[in-house]
Amino acid sequence: MINYAPFWETLKNSNENWYTLTSKHHLSHSTLHRLKHGQDISMKTVNDLCQILNCRIEDIAEYVPSQTDQKL
């Protein structure tokens, strides 16, 4: 499972917030809602967030093994 807790910490430590992400950087409310609720987002969105927040992928998301992961 992908955990987006690092994103919220990175956002908190940046000069950005929910408002600037949506108004200045044109991220959709839907995208932020998906992050808030641990739902999937695209790699393009991860790229955009890394660029906006000047951070690495690990500062946005982390993989946490889960019993609900798809069996491969």
Protein backbone atom coordinates (compact mmCIF):
# COMPACT_ATOMS: atom_id res chain seq x y z
CA MET A 1 0.00 0.00 0.00
CA ILE A 2 1.21 3.50 -0.73
CA ASN A 3 1.19 5.87 2.23
CA TYR A 4 1.12 9.62 1.58
CA ALA A 5 1.95 10.71 5.14
CA PRO A 6 5.37 11.99 3.98
CA PHE A 7 3.59 14.39 1.61
CA TRP A 8 1.71 16.09 4.43
CA GLU A 9 4.90 16.53 6.45
CA THR A 10 6.73 17.88 3.40
CA LEU A 11 3.86 20.27 2.67
CA LYS A 12 3.83 21.46 6.29
CA ASN A 13 7.56 22.23 6.11
CA SER A 14 7.27 24.10 2.81
CA ASN A 15 6.03 27.56 1.85
CA GLU A 16 3.03 25.96 0.14
CA ASN A 17 -0.39 24.93 1.45
CA TRP A 18 -3.66 23.46 0.16
CA TYR A 19 -4.72 26.87 -1.15
CA THR A 20 -1.51 27.60 -3.09
CA LEU A 21 -1.41 24.09 -4.51
CA THR A 22 -4.88 24.57 -5.98
CA SER A 23 -4.84 28.25 -6.90
CA LYS A 24 -1.21 28.97 -7.83
CA HIS A 25 -0.14 25.53 -9.08
CA HIS A 26 -3.53 24.40 -10.43
CA LEU A 27 -3.71 21.03 -8.69
CA SER A 28 -7.28 19.88 -8.44
CA HIS A 29 -9.17 19.61 -5.15
CA SER A 30 -9.86 16.05 -6.24
CA THR A 31 -6.12 15.25 -6.31
CA LEU A 32 -5.61 16.64 -2.81
CA HIS A 33 -8.68 14.75 -1.62
CA ARG A 34 -7.19 11.54 -3.04
CA LEU A 35 -3.92 12.21 -1.20
CA LYS A 36 -5.77 12.94 2.03
CA HIS A 37 -7.67 9.66 1.80
CA GLY A 38 -4.74 7.49 0.67
CA GLN A 39 -6.12 6.88 -2.81
CA ASP A 40 -4.05 6.42 -5.96
CA ILE A 41 -2.55 9.38 -7.77
CA SER A 42 -0.62 9.38 -11.04
CA MET A 43 3.14 9.49 -11.36
CA LYS A 44 2.69 12.74 -13.28
CA THR A 45 1.09 14.20 -10.16
CA VAL A 46 3.95 12.88 -8.02
CA ASN A 47 6.38 14.52 -10.48
CA ASP A 48 4.46 17.81 -10.29
CA LEU A 49 4.44 17.71 -6.48
CA CYS A 50 8.18 17.01 -6.37
CA GLN A 51 8.79 19.96 -8.67
CA ILE A 52 6.50 22.30 -6.72
CA LEU A 53 7.85 21.28 -3.32
CA ASN A 54 11.45 20.83 -4.53
CA CYS A 55 11.63 17.38 -2.97
CA ARG A 56 12.23 13.70 -3.74
CA ILE A 57 9.64 10.99 -4.35
CA GLU A 58 10.29 9.63 -0.85
CA ASP A 59 9.12 12.99 0.50
CA ILE A 60 5.73 12.41 -1.14
CA ALA A 61 4.98 8.71 -0.63
CA GLU A 62 6.26 5.48 0.85
CA TYR A 63 5.45 1.83 0.32
CA VAL A 64 4.11 0.03 3.38
CA PRO A 65 3.41 -3.71 3.05
CA SER A 66 -0.22 -4.51 3.75
CA GLN A 67 -2.51 -7.53 3.95
CA THR A 68 -4.78 -5.78 1.44
CA ASP A 69 -2.06 -5.63 -1.24
CA GLN A 70 -2.90 -7.40 -4.48
CA LYS A 71 -1.52 -10.94 -4.63
CA LEU A 72 1.07 -11.27 -7.38
